[in-house]
Amino acid sequence: NSFKSFLPTEISDGLLSEFDNNEIIRDMLNPKMYV
């Protein structure tokens, strides 16, 4: 794809995306829900 999407076995590890310039973005870390 336009960038690489890496997925974990456990969601607690978050998600990782890697772009062509080797830039890495981690997300879905320490998620919370509230009103």
ModelCIF file with pLDDT and N, C-alpha, C, O atoms, coordinates in Angstrom:
data_MODEL
#
_entry.id   MODEL 
#
_entity.id                         1 
_entity.type                       polymer 
_entity.pdbx_number_of_molecules   1 
#
_entity_poly.entity_id                      1 
_entity_poly.type                           'polypeptide(L)' 
_entity_poly.nstd_linkage                   no 
_entity_poly.nstd_monomer                   no 
_entity_poly.pdbx_seq_one_letter_code       NSFKSFLPTEISDGLLSEFDNNEIIRDMLNPKMYV 
_entity_poly.pdbx_seq_one_letter_code_can   NSFKSFLPTEISDGLLSEFDNNEIIRDMLNPKMYV 
_entity_poly.pdbx_strand_id                 A 
#
loop_
_entity_poly_seq.entity_id 
_entity_poly_seq.num 
_entity_poly_seq.mon_id 
_entity_poly_seq.hetero 
1 1  ASN n 
1 2  SER n 
1 3  PHE n 
1 4  LYS n 
1 5  SER n 
1 6  PHE n 
1 7  LEU n 
1 8  PRO n 
1 9  THR n 
1 10 GLU n 
1 11 ILE n 
1 12 SER n 
1 13 ASP n 
1 14 GLY n 
1 15 LEU n 
1 16 LEU n 
1 17 SER n 
1 18 GLU n 
1 19 PHE n 
1 20 ASP n 
1 21 ASN n 
1 22 ASN n 
1 23 GLU n 
1 24 ILE n 
1 25 ILE n 
1 26 ARG n 
1 27 ASP n 
1 28 MET n 
1 29 LEU n 
1 30 ASN n 
1 31 PRO n 
1 32 LYS n 
1 33 MET n 
1 34 TYR n 
1 35 VAL n 
#
_struct_asym.id          A 
_struct_asym.entity_id   1 
#
loop_
_ma_qa_metric.id 
_ma_qa_metric.mode 
_ma_qa_metric.name 
_ma_qa_metric.software_group_id 
_ma_qa_metric.type 
1 global pLDDT . pLDDT 
2 local  pLDDT . pLDDT 
#
_ma_qa_metric_global.metric_id      1 
_ma_qa_metric_global.metric_value   95.31 
_ma_qa_metric_global.model_id       1 
_ma_qa_metric_global.ordinal_id     1 
#
loop_
_ma_qa_metric_local.label_asym_id 
_ma_qa_metric_local.label_comp_id 
_ma_qa_metric_local.label_seq_id 
_ma_qa_metric_local.metric_id 
_ma_qa_metric_local.metric_value 
_ma_qa_metric_local.model_id 
_ma_qa_metric_local.ordinal_id 
A ASN 1  2 98.00 1 1  
A SER 2  2 96.00 1 2  
A PHE 3  2 97.00 1 3  
A LYS 4  2 97.00 1 4  
A SER 5  2 98.00 1 5  
A PHE 6  2 98.00 1 6  
A LEU 7  2 98.00 1 7  
A PRO 8  2 98.00 1 8  
A THR 9  2 98.00 1 9  
A GLU 10 2 98.00 1 10 
A ILE 11 2 97.00 1 11 
A SER 12 2 96.00 1 12 
A ASP 13 2 97.00 1 13 
A GLY 14 2 97.00 1 14 
A LEU 15 2 97.00 1 15 
A LEU 16 2 97.00 1 16 
A SER 17 2 97.00 1 17 
A GLU 18 2 97.00 1 18 
A PHE 19 2 95.00 1 19 
A ASP 20 2 87.00 1 20 
A ASN 21 2 86.00 1 21 
A ASN 22 2 88.00 1 22 
A GLU 23 2 95.00 1 23 
A ILE 24 2 96.00 1 24 
A ILE 25 2 96.00 1 25 
A ARG 26 2 96.00 1 26 
A ASP 27 2 95.00 1 27 
A MET 28 2 95.00 1 28 
A LEU 29 2 94.00 1 29 
A ASN 30 2 93.00 1 30 
A PRO 31 2 94.00 1 31 
A LYS 32 2 94.00 1 32 
A MET 33 2 94.00 1 33 
A TYR 34 2 94.00 1 34 
A VAL 35 2 93.00 1 35 
#
loop_
_atom_site.group_PDB 
_atom_site.id 
_atom_site.type_symbol 
_atom_site.label_atom_id 
_atom_site.label_alt_id 
_atom_site.label_comp_id 
_atom_site.label_asym_id 
_atom_site.label_entity_id 
_atom_site.label_seq_id 
_atom_site.pdbx_PDB_ins_code 
_atom_site.Cartn_x 
_atom_site.Cartn_y 
_atom_site.Cartn_z 
_atom_site.occupancy 
_atom_site.B_iso_or_equiv 
_atom_site.pdbx_formal_charge 
_atom_site.auth_seq_id 
_atom_site.auth_comp_id 
_atom_site.auth_asym_id 
_atom_site.auth_atom_id 
_atom_site.pdbx_PDB_model_num 
ATOM 1   N N  . ASN A 1 1  ? 0.857   -1.177  0.000  1.00 98.00 ? 1  ASN A N  1 
ATOM 2   C CA . ASN A 1 1  ? 0.000   0.000   0.000  1.00 98.00 ? 1  ASN A CA 1 
ATOM 3   C C  . ASN A 1 1  ? 0.895   1.229   0.000  1.00 98.00 ? 1  ASN A C  1 
ATOM 4   O O  . ASN A 1 1  ? 2.116   1.111   -0.103 1.00 98.00 ? 1  ASN A O  1 
ATOM 5   N N  . SER A 1 2  ? 0.296   2.405   0.115  1.00 96.00 ? 2  SER A N  1 
ATOM 6   C CA . SER A 1 2  ? 1.078   3.643   0.144  1.00 96.00 ? 2  SER A CA 1 
ATOM 7   C C  . SER A 1 2  ? 2.010   3.698   1.347  1.00 96.00 ? 2  SER A C  1 
ATOM 8   O O  . SER A 1 2  ? 3.040   4.371   1.306  1.00 96.00 ? 2  SER A O  1 
ATOM 9   N N  . PHE A 1 3  ? 1.658   3.001   2.407  1.00 97.00 ? 3  PHE A N  1 
ATOM 10  C CA . PHE A 1 3  ? 2.513   2.844   3.584  1.00 97.00 ? 3  PHE A CA 1 
ATOM 11  C C  . PHE A 1 3  ? 2.257   1.457   4.144  1.00 97.00 ? 3  PHE A C  1 
ATOM 12  O O  . PHE A 1 3  ? 1.264   0.821   3.792  1.00 97.00 ? 3  PHE A O  1 
ATOM 13  N N  . LYS A 1 4  ? 3.127   0.986   4.998  1.00 97.00 ? 4  LYS A N  1 
ATOM 14  C CA . LYS A 1 4  ? 3.005   -0.351  5.574  1.00 97.00 ? 4  LYS A CA 1 
ATOM 15  C C  . LYS A 1 4  ? 2.285   -0.263  6.919  1.00 97.00 ? 4  LYS A C  1 
ATOM 16  O O  . LYS A 1 4  ? 2.629   0.566   7.760  1.00 97.00 ? 4  LYS A O  1 
ATOM 17  N N  . SER A 1 5  ? 1.292   -1.116  7.114  1.00 98.00 ? 5  SER A N  1 
ATOM 18  C CA . SER A 1 5  ? 0.553   -1.185  8.362  1.00 98.00 ? 5  SER A CA 1 
ATOM 19  C C  . SER A 1 5  ? 0.894   -2.482  9.079  1.00 98.00 ? 5  SER A C  1 
ATOM 20  O O  . SER A 1 5  ? 0.645   -3.571  8.560  1.00 98.00 ? 5  SER A O  1 
ATOM 21  N N  . PHE A 1 6  ? 1.462   -2.364  10.271 1.00 98.00 ? 6  PHE A N  1 
ATOM 22  C CA . PHE A 1 6  ? 1.827   -3.530  11.079 1.00 98.00 ? 6  PHE A CA 1 
ATOM 23  C C  . PHE A 1 6  ? 0.812   -3.688  12.209 1.00 98.00 ? 6  PHE A C  1 
ATOM 24  O O  . PHE A 1 6  ? 0.468   -2.723  12.891 1.00 98.00 ? 6  PHE A O  1 
ATOM 25  N N  . LEU A 1 7  ? 0.337   -4.929  12.395 1.00 98.00 ? 7  LEU A N  1 
ATOM 26  C CA . LEU A 1 7  ? -0.694  -5.207  13.385 1.00 98.00 ? 7  LEU A CA 1 
ATOM 27  C C  . LEU A 1 7  ? -0.175  -6.199  14.423 1.00 98.00 ? 7  LEU A C  1 
ATOM 28  O O  . LEU A 1 7  ? 0.582   -7.109  14.088 1.00 98.00 ? 7  LEU A O  1 
ATOM 29  N N  . PRO A 1 8  ? -0.580  -6.025  15.679 1.00 98.00 ? 8  PRO A N  1 
ATOM 30  C CA . PRO A 1 8  ? -0.098  -6.885  16.760 1.00 98.00 ? 8  PRO A CA 1 
ATOM 31  C C  . PRO A 1 8  ? -1.022  -8.079  16.988 1.00 98.00 ? 8  PRO A C  1 
ATOM 32  O O  . PRO A 1 8  ? -2.114  -8.158  16.426 1.00 98.00 ? 8  PRO A O  1 
ATOM 33  N N  . THR A 1 9  ? -0.560  -8.997  17.820 1.00 98.00 ? 9  THR A N  1 
ATOM 34  C CA . THR A 1 9  ? -1.441  -10.065 18.292 1.00 98.00 ? 9  THR A CA 1 
ATOM 35  C C  . THR A 1 9  ? -2.387  -9.526  19.361 1.00 98.00 ? 9  THR A C  1 
ATOM 36  O O  . THR A 1 9  ? -3.569  -9.867  19.376 1.00 98.00 ? 9  THR A O  1 
ATOM 37  N N  . GLU A 1 10 ? -1.868  -8.689  20.249 1.00 98.00 ? 10 GLU A N  1 
ATOM 38  C CA . GLU A 1 10 ? -2.660  -8.091  21.331 1.00 98.00 ? 10 GLU A CA 1 
ATOM 39  C C  . GLU A 1 10 ? -2.772  -6.588  21.108 1.00 98.00 ? 10 GLU A C  1 
ATOM 40  O O  . GLU A 1 10 ? -1.773  -5.926  20.826 1.00 98.00 ? 10 GLU A O  1 
ATOM 41  N N  . ILE A 1 11 ? -3.973  -6.049  21.231 1.00 97.00 ? 11 ILE A N  1 
ATOM 42  C CA . ILE A 1 11 ? -4.189  -4.638  20.957 1.00 97.00 ? 11 ILE A CA 1 
ATOM 43  C C  . ILE A 1 11 ? -3.413  -3.742  21.918 1.00 97.00 ? 11 ILE A C  1 
ATOM 44  O O  . ILE A 1 11 ? -3.175  -2.574  21.611 1.00 97.00 ? 11 ILE A O  1 
ATOM 45  N N  . SER A 1 12 ? -3.017  -4.267  23.072 1.00 96.00 ? 12 SER A N  1 
ATOM 46  C CA . SER A 1 12 ? -2.245  -3.466  24.032 1.00 96.00 ? 12 SER A CA 1 
ATOM 47  C C  . SER A 1 12 ? -0.900  -3.033  23.465 1.00 96.00 ? 12 SER A C  1 
ATOM 48  O O  . SER A 1 12 ? -0.294  -2.094  23.981 1.00 96.00 ? 12 SER A O  1 
ATOM 49  N N  . ASP A 1 13 ? -0.416  -3.704  22.405 1.00 97.00 ? 13 ASP A N  1 
ATOM 50  C CA . ASP A 1 13 ? 0.838   -3.312  21.764 1.00 97.00 ? 13 ASP A CA 1 
ATOM 51  C C  . ASP A 1 13 ? 0.657   -2.156  20.792 1.00 97.00 ? 13 ASP A C  1 
ATOM 52  O O  . ASP A 1 13 ? 1.639   -1.639  20.258 1.00 97.00 ? 13 ASP A O  1 
ATOM 53  N N  . GLY A 1 14 ? -0.579  -1.745  20.557 1.00 97.00 ? 14 GLY A N  1 
ATOM 54  C CA . GLY A 1 14 ? -0.837  -0.648  19.645 1.00 97.00 ? 14 GLY A CA 1 
ATOM 55  C C  . GLY A 1 14 ? -0.648  -1.047  18.188 1.00 97.00 ? 14 GLY A C  1 
ATOM 56  O O  . GLY A 1 14 ? -0.475  -2.224  17.871 1.00 97.00 ? 14 GLY A O  1 
ATOM 57  N N  . LEU A 1 15 ? -0.683  -0.054  17.309 1.00 97.00 ? 15 LEU A N  1 
ATOM 58  C CA . LEU A 1 15 ? -0.521  -0.250  15.875 1.00 97.00 ? 15 LEU A CA 1 
ATOM 59  C C  . LEU A 1 15 ? 0.703   0.518   15.404 1.00 97.00 ? 15 LEU A C  1 
ATOM 60  O O  . LEU A 1 15 ? 1.121   1.483   16.045 1.00 97.00 ? 15 LEU A O  1 
ATOM 61  N N  . LEU A 1 16 ? 1.274   0.093   14.290 1.00 97.00 ? 16 LEU A N  1 
ATOM 62  C CA . LEU A 1 16 ? 2.484   0.741   13.772 1.00 97.00 ? 16 LEU A CA 1 
ATOM 63  C C  . LEU A 1 16 ? 2.349   0.934   12.274 1.00 97.00 ? 16 LEU A C  1 
ATOM 64  O O  . LEU A 1 16 ? 1.912   0.033   11.557 1.00 97.00 ? 16 LEU A O  1 
ATOM 65  N N  . SER A 1 17 ? 2.730   2.122   11.805 1.00 97.00 ? 17 SER A N  1 
ATOM 66  C CA . SER A 1 17 ? 2.744   2.425   10.375 1.00 97.00 ? 17 SER A CA 1 
ATOM 67  C C  . SER A 1 17 ? 4.132   2.900   9.982  1.00 97.00 ? 17 SER A C  1 
ATOM 68  O O  . SER A 1 17 ? 4.772   3.667   10.702 1.00 97.00 ? 17 SER A O  1 
ATOM 69  N N  . GLU A 1 18 ? 4.584   2.432   8.827  1.00 97.00 ? 18 GLU A N  1 
ATOM 70  C CA . GLU A 1 18 ? 5.920   2.790   8.324  1.00 97.00 ? 18 GLU A CA 1 
ATOM 71  C C  . GLU A 1 18 ? 5.781   3.370   6.931  1.00 97.00 ? 18 GLU A C  1 
ATOM 72  O O  . GLU A 1 18 ? 5.111   2.798   6.072  1.00 97.00 ? 18 GLU A O  1 
ATOM 73  N N  . PHE A 1 19 ? 6.426   4.522   6.712  1.00 95.00 ? 19 PHE A N  1 
ATOM 74  C CA . PHE A 1 19 ? 6.333   5.224   5.443  1.00 95.00 ? 19 PHE A CA 1 
ATOM 75  C C  . PHE A 1 19 ? 7.630   5.070   4.644  1.00 95.00 ? 19 PHE A C  1 
ATOM 76  O O  . PHE A 1 19 ? 8.632   4.568   5.153  1.00 95.00 ? 19 PHE A O  1 
ATOM 77  N N  . ASP A 1 20 ? 7.589   5.514   3.373  1.00 87.00 ? 20 ASP A N  1 
ATOM 78  C CA . ASP A 1 20 ? 8.723   5.291   2.475  1.00 87.00 ? 20 ASP A CA 1 
ATOM 79  C C  . ASP A 1 20 ? 10.016  5.932   2.963  1.00 87.00 ? 20 ASP A C  1 
ATOM 80  O O  . ASP A 1 20 ? 11.101  5.432   2.669  1.00 87.00 ? 20 ASP A O  1 
ATOM 81  N N  . ASN A 1 21 ? 9.915   7.014   3.693  1.00 86.00 ? 21 ASN A N  1 
ATOM 82  C CA . ASN A 1 21 ? 11.113  7.692   4.205  1.00 86.00 ? 21 ASN A CA 1 
ATOM 83  C C  . ASN A 1 21 ? 11.572  7.101   5.543  1.00 86.00 ? 21 ASN A C  1 
ATOM 84  O O  . ASN A 1 21 ? 12.364  7.708   6.264  1.00 86.00 ? 21 ASN A O  1 
ATOM 85  N N  . ASN A 1 22 ? 11.058  5.901   5.861  1.00 88.00 ? 22 ASN A N  1 
ATOM 86  C CA . ASN A 1 22 ? 11.372  5.190   7.117  1.00 88.00 ? 22 ASN A CA 1 
ATOM 87  C C  . ASN A 1 22 ? 10.800  5.877   8.346  1.00 88.00 ? 22 ASN A C  1 
ATOM 88  O O  . ASN A 1 22 ? 11.155  5.531   9.473  1.00 88.00 ? 22 ASN A O  1 
ATOM 89  N N  . GLU A 1 23 ? 9.924   6.842   8.140  1.00 95.00 ? 23 GLU A N  1 
ATOM 90  C CA . GLU A 1 23 ? 9.223   7.438   9.274  1.00 95.00 ? 23 GLU A CA 1 
ATOM 91  C C  . GLU A 1 23 ? 8.255   6.413   9.855  1.00 95.00 ? 23 GLU A C  1 
ATOM 92  O O  . GLU A 1 23 ? 7.559   5.718   9.114  1.00 95.00 ? 23 GLU A O  1 
ATOM 93  N N  . ILE A 1 24 ? 8.214   6.323   11.161 1.00 96.00 ? 24 ILE A N  1 
ATOM 94  C CA . ILE A 1 24 ? 7.349   5.368   11.853 1.00 96.00 ? 24 ILE A CA 1 
ATOM 95  C C  . ILE A 1 24 ? 6.384   6.122   12.754 1.00 96.00 ? 24 ILE A C  1 
ATOM 96  O O  . ILE A 1 24 ? 6.786   7.034   13.475 1.00 96.00 ? 24 ILE A O  1 
ATOM 97  N N  . ILE A 1 25 ? 5.127   5.746   12.713 1.00 96.00 ? 25 ILE A N  1 
ATOM 98  C CA . ILE A 1 25 ? 4.111   6.307   13.597 1.00 96.00 ? 25 ILE A CA 1 
ATOM 99  C C  . ILE A 1 25 ? 3.471   5.172   14.377 1.00 96.00 ? 25 ILE A C  1 
ATOM 100 O O  . ILE A 1 25 ? 2.982   4.204   13.794 1.00 96.00 ? 25 ILE A O  1 
ATOM 101 N N  . ARG A 1 26 ? 3.477   5.296   15.699 1.00 96.00 ? 26 ARG A N  1 
ATOM 102 C CA . ARG A 1 26 ? 2.781   4.356   16.578 1.00 96.00 ? 26 ARG A CA 1 
ATOM 103 C C  . ARG A 1 26 ? 1.473   5.012   17.033 1.00 96.00 ? 26 ARG A C  1 
ATOM 104 O O  . ARG A 1 26 ? 1.439   6.207   17.329 1.00 96.00 ? 26 ARG A O  1 
ATOM 105 N N  . ASP A 1 27 ? 0.437   4.245   17.083 1.00 95.00 ? 27 ASP A N  1 
ATOM 106 C CA . ASP A 1 27 ? -0.826  4.771   17.590 1.00 95.00 ? 27 ASP A CA 1 
ATOM 107 C C  . ASP A 1 27 ? -1.607  3.653   18.272 1.00 95.00 ? 27 ASP A C  1 
ATOM 108 O O  . ASP A 1 27 ? -1.140  2.518   18.369 1.00 95.00 ? 27 ASP A O  1 
ATOM 109 N N  . MET A 1 28 ? -2.803  3.996   18.740 1.00 95.00 ? 28 MET A N  1 
ATOM 110 C CA . MET A 1 28 ? -3.625  3.106   19.548 1.00 95.00 ? 28 MET A CA 1 
ATOM 111 C C  . MET A 1 28 ? -2.875  2.685   20.824 1.00 95.00 ? 28 MET A C  1 
ATOM 112 O O  . MET A 1 28 ? -2.954  1.540   21.267 1.00 95.00 ? 28 MET A O  1 
ATOM 113 N N  . LEU A 1 29 ? -2.149  3.648   21.391 1.00 94.00 ? 29 LEU A N  1 
ATOM 114 C CA . LEU A 1 29 ? -1.417  3.418   22.631 1.00 94.00 ? 29 LEU A CA 1 
ATOM 115 C C  . LEU A 1 29 ? -2.174  4.068   23.793 1.00 94.00 ? 29 LEU A C  1 
ATOM 116 O O  . LEU A 1 29 ? -2.648  5.199   23.687 1.00 94.00 ? 29 LEU A O  1 
ATOM 117 N N  . ASN A 1 30 ? -2.276  3.342   24.886 1.00 93.00 ? 30 ASN A N  1 
ATOM 118 C CA . ASN A 1 30 ? -2.941  3.830   26.092 1.00 93.00 ? 30 ASN A CA 1 
ATOM 119 C C  . ASN A 1 30 ? -4.345  4.385   25.801 1.00 93.00 ? 30 ASN A C  1 
ATOM 120 O O  . ASN A 1 30 ? -4.661  5.499   26.220 1.00 93.00 ? 30 ASN A O  1 
ATOM 121 N N  . PRO A 1 31 ? -5.179  3.632   25.097 1.00 94.00 ? 31 PRO A N  1 
ATOM 122 C CA . PRO A 1 31 ? -6.514  4.150   24.746 1.00 94.00 ? 31 PRO A CA 1 
ATOM 123 C C  . PRO A 1 31 ? -7.427  4.209   25.971 1.00 94.00 ? 31 PRO A C  1 
ATOM 124 O O  . PRO A 1 31 ? -7.311  3.412   26.902 1.00 94.00 ? 31 PRO A O  1 
ATOM 125 N N  . LYS A 1 32 ? -8.336  5.181   25.935 1.00 94.00 ? 32 LYS A N  1 
ATOM 126 C CA . LYS A 1 32 ? -9.301  5.348   27.017 1.00 94.00 ? 32 LYS A CA 1 
ATOM 127 C C  . LYS A 1 32 ? -10.642 5.772   26.423 1.00 94.00 ? 32 LYS A C  1 
ATOM 128 O O  . LYS A 1 32 ? -10.711 6.323   25.324 1.00 94.00 ? 32 LYS A O  1 
ATOM 129 N N  . MET A 1 33 ? -11.695 5.501   27.175 1.00 94.00 ? 33 MET A N  1 
ATOM 130 C CA . MET A 1 33 ? -13.037 5.951   26.814 1.00 94.00 ? 33 MET A CA 1 
ATOM 131 C C  . MET A 1 33 ? -13.627 6.671   28.023 1.00 94.00 ? 33 MET A C  1 
ATOM 132 O O  . MET A 1 33 ? -13.460 6.234   29.161 1.00 94.00 ? 33 MET A O  1 
ATOM 133 N N  . TYR A 1 34 ? -14.318 7.778   27.762 1.00 94.00 ? 34 TYR A N  1 
ATOM 134 C CA . TYR A 1 34 ? -14.991 8.493   28.844 1.00 94.00 ? 34 TYR A CA 1 
ATOM 135 C C  . TYR A 1 34 ? -16.118 9.341   28.263 1.00 94.00 ? 34 TYR A C  1 
ATOM 136 O O  . TYR A 1 34 ? -16.170 9.578   27.056 1.00 94.00 ? 34 TYR A O  1 
ATOM 137 N N  . VAL A 1 35 ? -17.010 9.789   29.125 1.00 93.00 ? 35 VAL A N  1 
ATOM 138 C CA . VAL A 1 35 ? -18.045 10.733  28.717 1.00 93.00 ? 35 VAL A CA 1 
ATOM 139 C C  . VAL A 1 35 ? -17.623 12.127  29.181 1.00 93.00 ? 35 VAL A C  1 
ATOM 140 O O  . VAL A 1 35 ? -18.343 13.098  28.950 1.00 93.00 ? 35 VAL A O  1 
#
